[in-house]
PDB file of N, CA and C in Angstrom:
ATOM      1  N   MET A   1      70.606 -41.659-152.468  1.00  0.00           N
ATOM      2  CA  MET A   1      70.783 -42.889-153.239  1.00  0.00           C
ATOM      3  C   MET A   1      70.638 -42.548-154.713  1.00  0.00           C
ATOM      4  N   SER A   2      71.622 -42.862-155.494  1.00  0.00           N
ATOM      5  CA  SER A   2      71.570 -42.568-156.923  1.00  0.00           C
ATOM      6  C   SER A   2      71.207 -43.828-157.702  1.00  0.00           C
ATOM      7  N   SER A   3      70.586 -43.602-158.831  1.00  0.00           N
ATOM      8  CA  SER A   3      70.163 -44.710-159.677  1.00  0.00           C
ATOM      9  C   SER A   3      71.182 -44.924-160.783  1.00  0.00           C
ATOM     10  N   ASN A   4      71.366 -46.162-161.160  1.00  0.00           N
ATOM     11  CA  ASN A   4      72.258 -46.482-162.266  1.00  0.00           C
ATOM     12  C   ASN A   4      71.504 -46.521-163.589  1.00  0.00           C
ATOM     13  N   TYR A   5      70.232 -46.132-163.562  1.00  0.00           N
ATOM     14  CA  TYR A   5      69.388 -46.179-164.752  1.00  0.00           C
ATOM     15  C   TYR A   5      69.032 -44.777-165.202  1.00  0.00           C
ATOM     16  N   THR A   6      68.910 -44.607-166.504  1.00  0.00           N
ATOM     17  CA  THR A   6      68.516 -43.307-167.040  1.00  0.00           C
ATOM     18  C   THR A   6      67.001 -43.172-166.965  1.00  0.00           C
ATOM     19  N   LYS A   7      66.532 -41.952-167.071  1.00  0.00           N
ATOM     20  CA  LYS A   7      65.091 -41.718-167.044  1.00  0.00           C
ATOM     21  C   LYS A   7      64.380 -42.468-168.178  1.00  0.00           C
ATOM     22  N   PRO A   8      64.894 -42.446-169.409  1.00  0.00           N
ATOM     23  CA  PRO A   8      64.228 -43.222-170.469  1.00  0.00           C
ATOM     24  C   PRO A   8      64.175 -44.726-170.172  1.00  0.00           C
ATOM     25  N   GLU A   9      65.220 -45.266-169.557  1.00  0.00           N
ATOM     26  CA  GLU A   9      65.210 -46.686-169.208  1.00  0.00           C
ATOM     27  C   GLU A   9      64.139 -46.989-168.165  1.00  0.00           C
ATOM     28  N   LEU A  10      64.016 -46.125-167.179  1.00  0.00           N
ATOM     29  CA  LEU A  10      62.999 -46.308-166.147  1.00  0.00           C
ATOM     30  C   LEU A  10      61.597 -46.161-166.723  1.00  0.00           C
ATOM     31  N   GLU A  11      61.419 -45.212-167.632  1.00  0.00           N
ATOM     32  CA  GLU A  11      60.113 -45.025-168.266  1.00  0.00           C
ATOM     33  C   GLU A  11      59.730 -46.247-169.097  1.00  0.00           C
ATOM     34  N   GLU A  12      60.680 -46.820-169.796  1.00  0.00           N
ATOM     35  CA  GLU A  12      60.417 -48.013-170.599  1.00  0.00           C
ATOM     36  C   GLU A  12      60.084 -49.199-169.693  1.00  0.00           C
ATOM     37  N   ALA A  13      60.809 -49.353-168.607  1.00  0.00           N
ATOM     38  CA  ALA A  13      60.531 -50.435-167.667  1.00  0.00           C
ATOM     39  C   ALA A  13      59.125 -50.283-167.086  1.00  0.00           C
ATOM     40  N   TYR A  14      58.743 -49.070-166.748  1.00  0.00           N
ATOM     41  CA  TYR A  14      57.400 -48.797-166.223  1.00  0.00           C
ATOM     42  C   TYR A  14      56.345 -49.160-167.259  1.00  0.00           C
ATOM     43  N   ARG A  15      56.569 -48.780-168.504  1.00  0.00           N
ATOM     44  CA  ARG A  15      55.618 -49.067-169.571  1.00  0.00           C
ATOM     45  C   ARG A  15      55.437 -50.575-169.736  1.00  0.00           C
ATOM     46  N   VAL A  16      56.544 -51.314-169.719  1.00  0.00           N
ATOM     47  CA  VAL A  16      56.490 -52.768-169.878  1.00  0.00           C
ATOM     48  C   VAL A  16      55.757 -53.414-168.701  1.00  0.00           C
ATOM     49  N   LEU A  17      56.054 -52.967-167.489  1.00  0.00           N
ATOM     50  CA  LEU A  17      55.387 -53.526-166.312  1.00  0.00           C
ATOM     51  C   LEU A  17      53.883 -53.256-166.329  1.00  0.00           C
ATOM     52  N   MET A  18      53.488 -52.056-166.718  1.00  0.00           N
ATOM     53  CA  MET A  18      52.063 -51.729-166.787  1.00  0.00           C
ATOM     54  C   MET A  18      51.368 -52.566-167.849  1.00  0.00           C
ATOM     55  N   SER A  19      52.029 -52.796-168.961  1.00  0.00           N
ATOM     56  CA  SER A  19      51.469 -53.631-170.016  1.00  0.00           C
ATOM     57  C   SER A  19      51.264 -55.064-169.517  1.00  0.00           C
ATOM     58  N   THR A  20      52.252 -55.579-168.818  1.00  0.00           N
ATOM     59  CA  THR A  20      52.154 -56.929-168.267  1.00  0.00           C
ATOM     60  C   THR A  20      51.022 -57.025-167.258  1.00  0.00           C
ATOM     61  N   LEU A  21      50.892 -56.017-166.417  1.00  0.00           N
ATOM     62  CA  LEU A  21      49.818 -55.998-165.430  1.00  0.00           C
ATOM     63  C   LEU A  21      48.449 -56.003-166.104  1.00  0.00           C
ATOM     64  N   ARG A  22      48.282 -55.189-167.135  1.00  0.00           N
ATOM     65  CA  ARG A  22      47.000 -55.154-167.857  1.00  0.00           C
ATOM     66  C   ARG A  22      46.691 -56.512-168.484  1.00  0.00           C
ATOM     67  N   LYS A  23      47.705 -57.163-169.046  1.00  0.00           N
ATOM     68  CA  LYS A  23      47.497 -58.480-169.654  1.00  0.00           C
ATOM     69  C   LYS A  23      47.110 -59.514-168.605  1.00  0.00           C
ATOM     70  N   CYS A  24      47.728 -59.463-167.441  1.00  0.00           N
ATOM     71  CA  CYS A  24      47.388 -60.391-166.363  1.00  0.00           C
ATOM     72  C   CYS A  24      45.948 -60.165-165.899  1.00  0.00           C
ATOM     73  N   GLU A  25      45.563 -58.907-165.750  1.00  0.00           N
ATOM     74  CA  GLU A  25      44.198 -58.595-165.331  1.00  0.00           C
ATOM     75  C   GLU A  25      43.188 -59.089-166.354  1.00  0.00           C
ATOM     76  N   LYS A  26      43.496 -58.912-167.628  1.00  0.00           N
ATOM     77  CA  LYS A  26      42.596 -59.362-168.681  1.00  0.00           C
ATOM     78  C   LYS A  26      42.506 -60.890-168.685  1.00  0.00           C
ATOM     79  N   THR A  27      43.626 -61.558-168.481  1.00  0.00           N
ATOM     80  CA  THR A  27      43.669 -63.011-168.485  1.00  0.00           C
ATOM     81  C   THR A  27      42.865 -63.592-167.328  1.00  0.00           C
ATOM     82  N   GLN A  28      42.870 -62.922-166.179  1.00  0.00           N
ATOM     83  CA  GLN A  28      42.126 -63.405-165.017  1.00  0.00           C
ATOM     84  C   GLN A  28      40.640 -63.533-165.311  1.00  0.00           C
ATOM     85  N   GLU A  29      40.135 -62.750-166.234  1.00  0.00           N
ATOM     86  CA  GLU A  29      38.718 -62.773-166.570  1.00  0.00           C
ATOM     87  C   GLU A  29      38.348 -63.968-167.458  1.00  0.00           C
ATOM     88  N   SER A  30      39.328 -64.654-167.986  1.00  0.00           N
ATOM     89  CA  SER A  30      39.082 -65.768-168.895  1.00  0.00           C
ATOM     90  C   SER A  30      38.512 -66.977-168.147  1.00  0.00           C
ATOM     91  N   PRO A  31      37.389 -67.508-168.624  1.00  0.00           N
ATOM     92  CA  PRO A  31      36.813 -68.690-167.975  1.00  0.00           C
ATOM     93  C   PRO A  31      37.577 -69.974-168.296  1.00  0.00           C
ATOM     94  N   ASN A  32      38.522 -69.912-169.223  1.00  0.00           N
ATOM     95  CA  ASN A  32      39.246 -71.107-169.661  1.00  0.00           C
ATOM     96  C   ASN A  32      40.501 -71.396-168.847  1.00  0.00           C
ATOM     97  N   LEU A  33      40.758 -70.620-167.803  1.00  0.00           N
ATOM     98  CA  LEU A  33      41.968 -70.838-166.999  1.00  0.00           C
ATOM     99  C   LEU A  33      41.797 -72.038-166.075  1.00  0.00           C
ATOM    100  N   GLY A  34      42.844 -72.825-166.000  1.00  0.00           N
ATOM    101  CA  GLY A  34      42.852 -73.934-165.064  1.00  0.00           C
ATOM    102  C   GLY A  34      43.298 -73.448-163.691  1.00  0.00           C
ATOM    103  N   ALA A  35      43.233 -74.310-162.711  1.00  0.00           N
ATOM    104  CA  ALA A  35      43.594 -73.939-161.341  1.00  0.00           C
ATOM    105  C   ALA A  35      45.055 -73.502-161.241  1.00  0.00           C
ATOM    106  N   SER A  36      45.941 -74.190-161.943  1.00  0.00           N
ATOM    107  CA  SER A  36      47.368 -73.831-161.834  1.00  0.00           C
ATOM    108  C   SER A  36      47.647 -72.456-162.437  1.00  0.00           C
ATOM    109  N   GLN A  37      46.974 -72.124-163.549  1.00  0.00           N
ATOM    110  CA  GLN A  37      47.170 -70.791-164.138  1.00  0.00           C
ATOM    111  C   GLN A  37      46.629 -69.709-163.206  1.00  0.00           C
ATOM    112  N   ARG A  38      45.490 -69.965-162.557  1.00  0.00           N
ATOM    113  CA  ARG A  38      44.942 -68.985-161.626  1.00  0.00           C
ATOM    114  C   ARG A  38      45.895 -68.769-160.443  1.00  0.00           C
ATOM    115  N   THR A  39      46.510 -69.848-159.975  1.00  0.00           N
ATOM    116  CA  THR A  39      47.466 -69.744-158.878  1.00  0.00           C
ATOM    117  C   THR A  39      48.664 -68.906-159.299  1.00  0.00           C
ATOM    118  N   LEU A  40      49.174 -69.135-160.488  1.00  0.00           N
ATOM    119  CA  LEU A  40      50.324 -68.368-160.967  1.00  0.00           C
ATOM    120  C   LEU A  40      49.984 -66.885-161.108  1.00  0.00           C
ATOM    121  N   LEU A  41      48.782 -66.579-161.584  1.00  0.00           N
ATOM    122  CA  LEU A  41      48.383 -65.183-161.723  1.00  0.00           C
ATOM    123  C   LEU A  41      48.252 -64.494-160.375  1.00  0.00           C
ATOM    124  N   ALA A  42      47.767 -65.257-159.388  1.00  0.00           N
ATOM    125  CA  ALA A  42      47.616 -64.680-158.049  1.00  0.00           C
ATOM    126  C   ALA A  42      48.974 -64.335-157.481  1.00  0.00           C
TER     127      ALA A  42
END
């Protein structure tokens, strides 16, 4: 199976996804989240 994406494109996508994951994890620690935000994060 061949990919239609270049290695730099995949590396950038990985970097963006990891950044988003870290932000979500940090946000989960916030005591100011309402129930709907916690559900969306889950």
